[in-house]
Amino acid sequence: MKRAIIIGATSGIGQEVAKTLLLEGWKLGVAGRRRFSLEIFQQIAPDQIEIEELDITQEEATDKLQILINKLGGMDLFLLSSGIGYQNINLDSKIELDTARTNVEGFIRMVDSAFTYFKENGGGHLAVISSIAGTKGLGVAPAYSATKRFQNTYIDALEQLVHLQRLNIYFTDIRPGFVATALLNDGKHYPMLMKADKVGYSIVKAIKRKQRVAIIDTRYRILVFFWQMIPQWIWKRMPIKTN
């Protein structure tokens, strides 16, 4: 039985990925900040799910990840689905710094821990959920888009490191557009909003194919293609926002 650790699977995209993997017979280790939510999720399939309360912004998170791996009996797939993001046109410093603390500091902590485990145990598959927001700097969400670009680049760097060290580690950088989750439950209108269950299914397909970069879905792949072609002098004049 294949074994996956998912950080941030008590809600949203991470939970939908977890449900799909369960249906395919995977054994899961699920981690998140809310113990009660973890216990509720575990009731779906008690024989297939192990849980551990974990906050990626805390130093102890690495130890708790190892505890969860031990409970599961090992790890073949690691998926980081834990992140935050806000529109912040007033540049509230707390929002920007909290975003960086989770999406950069917490990201590094968890990804490096998983990388080290795979390096020491013969390899594995390391997947992260970043965002198409890393394609260009979004004026309405500076820290969010910048931290997502950081995540994209960090995985690029680790892939090169794997090649240099001749390791058996695969990477999948999952970049969804707007998904109907609690993160976007702020009363604003988001274009091309996708259903979380369909996104979860698409993510599992990409992971099974060991797809290096997975932009979810086709509409967003087209959008990102054209975003990348826009010169900076035009981009800065574009009124990209949600209502």
Protein backbone atom coordinates (compact mmCIF):
# COMPACT_ATOMS: atom_id res chain seq x y z
CA MET A 1 0.00 0.00 0.00
CA LYS A 2 1.37 3.41 -1.01
CA ARG A 3 1.81 5.99 1.76
CA ALA A 4 1.30 9.74 1.48
CA ILE A 5 1.78 12.57 3.97
CA ILE A 6 -0.45 15.58 3.30
CA ILE A 7 0.12 18.79 5.24
CA GLY A 8 -3.08 20.83 5.24
CA ALA A 9 -5.69 18.21 4.40
CA THR A 10 -8.42 19.11 6.89
CA SER A 11 -10.07 21.45 4.37
CA GLY A 12 -9.94 22.79 0.83
CA ILE A 13 -7.73 21.41 -1.92
CA GLY A 14 -5.64 19.24 0.39
CA GLN A 15 -8.72 17.46 1.70
CA GLU A 16 -10.01 16.77 -1.80
CA VAL A 17 -6.66 15.28 -2.79
CA ALA A 18 -6.73 13.14 0.35
CA LYS A 19 -10.22 11.84 -0.45
CA THR A 20 -9.16 10.88 -3.96
CA LEU A 21 -6.07 9.05 -2.72
CA LEU A 22 -8.15 7.19 -0.14
CA LEU A 23 -10.46 5.93 -2.88
CA GLU A 24 -7.40 4.66 -4.73
CA GLY A 25 -6.26 2.70 -1.68
CA TRP A 26 -3.48 4.90 -0.34
CA LYS A 27 -2.62 5.02 3.34
CA LEU A 28 -2.48 8.64 4.52
CA GLY A 29 -0.77 10.67 7.18
CA VAL A 30 -2.70 13.92 7.58
CA ALA A 31 -1.41 16.96 9.44
CA GLY A 32 -2.88 20.37 10.27
CA ARG A 33 -3.29 22.92 13.02
CA ARG A 34 -6.77 21.92 14.20
CA ARG A 35 -6.83 18.67 16.15
CA PHE A 36 -10.62 18.47 16.13
CA SER A 37 -10.74 18.73 12.33
CA LEU A 38 -8.07 16.05 12.02
CA GLU A 39 -10.04 13.68 14.23
CA ILE A 40 -13.21 14.24 12.21
CA PHE A 41 -11.36 13.57 8.96
CA GLN A 42 -9.79 10.41 10.39
CA GLN A 43 -13.27 8.96 10.92
CA ILE A 44 -13.67 8.69 7.13
CA ALA A 45 -11.28 5.72 7.05
CA PRO A 46 -9.68 5.02 10.46
CA ASP A 47 -7.68 2.08 9.10
CA GLN A 48 -6.11 4.19 6.35
CA ILE A 49 -5.52 7.52 8.10
CA GLU A 50 -2.99 8.61 10.72
CA ILE A 51 -3.09 12.16 12.07
CA GLU A 52 -0.77 14.65 13.76
CA GLU A 53 -1.42 18.21 14.92
CA LEU A 54 1.19 20.42 13.29
CA ASP A 55 1.80 24.12 12.58
CA ILE A 56 4.34 24.67 9.80
CA THR A 57 5.38 28.06 11.23
CA GLN A 58 6.72 26.40 14.39
CA GLU A 59 10.18 24.82 14.68
CA GLU A 60 8.70 21.69 16.27
CA ALA A 61 6.86 20.96 13.01
CA THR A 62 9.82 18.99 11.65
CA ASP A 63 9.77 16.65 14.66
CA LYS A 64 6.02 16.22 14.35
CA LEU A 65 6.38 15.39 10.66
CA GLN A 66 8.79 12.60 11.58
CA ILE A 67 6.35 11.33 14.21
CA LEU A 68 3.65 11.15 11.54
CA ILE A 69 5.95 9.36 9.12
CA ASN A 70 6.72 6.82 11.84
CA LYS A 71 3.01 6.29 12.52
CA LEU A 72 2.47 5.67 8.82
CA GLY A 73 5.43 3.33 8.54
CA GLY A 74 7.19 5.41 5.91
CA MET A 75 6.44 7.94 3.16
CA ASP A 76 6.29 7.58 -0.62
CA LEU A 77 4.59 10.90 -1.39
CA PHE A 78 4.77 14.22 0.43
CA LEU A 79 2.25 16.92 -0.44
CA LEU A 80 2.38 20.40 1.09
CA SER A 81 -1.05 22.01 0.80
CA SER A 82 -0.68 24.50 3.62
CA GLY A 83 -0.51 28.18 2.79
CA ILE A 84 -2.24 31.51 3.22
CA GLY A 85 -2.98 34.48 1.00
CA TYR A 86 -4.83 37.78 1.18
CA GLN A 87 -5.54 40.82 -0.91
CA ASN A 88 -3.66 43.62 0.80
CA ILE A 89 -3.64 46.85 -1.20
CA ASN A 90 -3.00 48.86 1.97
CA LEU A 91 0.15 46.84 2.67
CA ASP A 92 -0.79 45.94 6.22
CA SER A 93 2.60 44.75 7.46
CA LYS A 94 1.13 42.04 9.69
CA ILE A 95 -0.64 40.45 6.73
CA GLU A 96 2.46 40.61 4.55
CA LEU A 97 4.76 39.19 7.24
CA ASP A 98 2.32 36.47 8.28
CA THR A 99 2.05 35.44 4.63
CA ALA A 100 5.82 35.24 4.34
CA ARG A 101 6.09 33.33 7.62
CA THR A 102 3.76 30.63 6.34
CA ASN A 103 4.49 30.56 2.61
CA VAL A 104 8.26 30.99 2.87
CA GLU A 105 9.51 30.02 6.34
CA GLY A 106 6.96 27.24 6.86
CA PHE A 107 7.37 26.09 3.25
CA ILE A 108 11.14 25.75 3.62
CA ARG A 109 10.80 23.94 6.93
CA MET A 110 8.43 21.31 5.59
CA VAL A 111 9.89 20.86 2.10
CA ASP A 112 13.45 20.53 3.40
CA SER A 113 12.33 17.98 5.99
CA ALA A 114 10.61 15.89 3.32
CA PHE A 115 13.60 16.25 0.99
CA THR A 116 15.97 15.03 3.72
CA TYR A 117 13.74 12.06 4.49
CA PHE A 118 13.62 11.00 0.84
CA LYS A 119 17.37 11.51 0.47
CA GLU A 120 18.05 9.24 3.45
CA ASN A 121 15.48 6.61 2.47
CA GLY A 122 16.08 5.94 -1.19
CA GLY A 123 13.85 8.56 -2.80
CA GLY A 124 10.23 9.58 -3.15
CA HIS A 125 7.85 12.12 -4.65
CA LEU A 126 7.69 15.67 -3.28
CA ALA A 127 4.70 17.77 -4.36
CA VAL A 128 3.64 21.28 -3.37
CA ILE A 129 0.59 23.39 -4.09
CA SER A 130 1.77 26.84 -5.11
CA SER A 131 -0.30 29.05 -7.44
CA ILE A 132 -0.48 30.71 -10.84
CA ALA A 133 -0.08 33.91 -8.79
CA GLY A 134 3.67 33.28 -8.91
CA THR A 135 3.67 34.03 -12.64
CA LYS A 136 3.59 37.82 -12.21
CA GLY A 137 3.53 40.23 -9.29
CA LEU A 138 -0.11 40.99 -8.44
CA GLY A 139 -0.61 44.50 -7.07
CA VAL A 140 -3.62 43.49 -4.96
CA ALA A 141 -1.66 40.71 -3.22
CA PRO A 142 2.08 41.52 -3.13
CA ALA A 143 3.24 39.05 -0.47
CA TYR A 144 1.06 36.25 -1.77
CA SER A 145 2.25 36.46 -5.37
CA ALA A 146 5.89 36.97 -4.30
CA THR A 147 5.87 34.00 -1.95
CA LYS A 148 4.34 31.79 -4.63
CA ARG A 149 7.11 32.80 -7.05
CA PHE A 150 9.57 31.92 -4.29
CA GLN A 151 8.02 28.46 -3.98
CA ASN A 152 8.26 27.86 -7.74
CA THR A 153 11.93 28.84 -7.75
CA TYR A 154 12.75 26.82 -4.64
CA ILE A 155 11.43 23.63 -6.23
CA ASP A 156 13.42 24.42 -9.38
CA ALA A 157 16.55 24.69 -7.24
CA LEU A 158 15.86 21.43 -5.40
CA GLU A 159 15.37 19.63 -8.70
CA GLN A 160 18.82 20.77 -9.79
CA LEU A 161 20.23 19.68 -6.41
CA VAL A 162 18.71 16.21 -6.93
CA HIS A 163 20.50 15.98 -10.27
CA LEU A 164 23.81 17.09 -8.76
CA GLN A 165 23.53 14.58 -5.92
CA ARG A 166 22.10 11.80 -8.13
CA LEU A 167 19.04 11.28 -5.94
CA ASN A 168 15.81 9.48 -6.77
CA ILE A 169 13.40 12.30 -5.89
CA TYR A 170 10.60 13.54 -8.16
CA PHE A 171 8.89 16.92 -7.90
CA THR A 172 5.44 18.21 -8.83
CA ASP A 173 4.72 21.93 -8.54
CA ILE A 174 0.93 22.30 -8.64
CA ARG A 175 -0.29 25.75 -9.68
CA PRO A 176 -4.07 26.17 -9.46
CA GLY A 177 -6.06 29.28 -10.26
CA PHE A 178 -9.04 30.39 -8.17
CA VAL A 179 -10.58 27.47 -6.28
CA ALA A 180 -13.81 27.56 -4.28
CA THR A 181 -12.37 27.01 -0.78
CA ALA A 182 -12.59 28.79 2.57
CA LEU A 183 -9.52 30.82 1.59
CA LEU A 184 -11.65 32.69 -0.99
CA ASN A 185 -14.78 32.89 1.14
CA ASP A 186 -14.42 36.65 1.58
CA GLY A 187 -17.46 37.94 -0.30
CA LYS A 188 -15.45 38.98 -3.38
CA HIS A 189 -16.08 37.78 -6.92
CA TYR A 190 -13.38 35.57 -8.38
CA PRO A 191 -13.39 34.80 -12.12
CA MET A 192 -13.07 31.23 -13.46
CA LEU A 193 -13.69 29.78 -10.00
CA MET A 194 -13.07 26.02 -9.94
CA LYS A 195 -14.70 23.36 -7.76
CA ALA A 196 -12.36 21.93 -5.15
CA ASP A 197 -13.26 18.28 -5.81
CA LYS A 198 -12.44 18.55 -9.51
CA VAL A 199 -9.18 20.32 -8.70
CA GLY A 200 -8.28 17.56 -6.24
CA TYR A 201 -8.90 14.90 -8.89
CA SER A 202 -6.75 16.78 -11.42
CA ILE A 203 -3.94 17.11 -8.89
CA VAL A 204 -3.90 13.37 -8.21
CA LYS A 205 -3.73 12.71 -11.97
CA ALA A 206 -0.74 15.06 -12.26
CA ILE A 207 1.01 13.42 -9.32
CA LYS A 208 0.47 9.92 -10.71
CA ARG A 209 2.01 11.06 -14.03
CA LYS A 210 4.91 12.62 -12.08
CA GLN A 211 4.14 15.85 -13.93
CA ARG A 212 6.80 18.44 -13.10
CA VAL A 213 4.56 21.52 -13.29
CA ALA A 214 0.77 21.20 -13.25
CA ILE A 215 -1.32 24.31 -13.96
CA ILE A 216 -4.93 23.56 -13.04
CA ASP A 217 -6.97 23.76 -15.36
CA THR A 218 -6.91 24.31 -19.17
CA ARG A 219 -8.32 27.83 -18.93
CA TYR A 220 -5.58 28.83 -16.53
CA ARG A 221 -2.90 27.18 -18.67
CA ILE A 222 -3.98 29.45 -21.52
CA LEU A 223 -4.11 32.46 -19.21
CA VAL A 224 -0.63 31.84 -17.81
CA PHE A 225 0.76 31.34 -21.31
CA PHE A 226 -0.34 34.85 -22.28
CA TRP A 227 0.56 36.37 -18.89
CA GLN A 228 4.15 35.30 -19.42
CA MET A 229 4.26 37.12 -22.75
CA ILE A 230 3.11 40.50 -21.39
CA PRO A 231 5.97 43.05 -21.17
CA GLN A 232 6.46 44.61 -17.75
CA TRP A 233 5.64 48.11 -18.98
CA ILE A 234 2.19 46.87 -20.01
CA TRP A 235 1.70 44.60 -16.99
CA LYS A 236 2.11 47.45 -14.49
CA ARG A 237 -0.76 49.31 -16.18
CA MET A 238 -3.20 46.39 -16.06
CA PRO A 239 -6.02 46.82 -13.49
CA ILE A 240 -6.00 43.22 -12.21
CA LYS A 241 -8.27 42.96 -9.19
CA THR A 242 -11.33 41.22 -7.78
CA ASN A 243 -14.53 42.90 -6.64
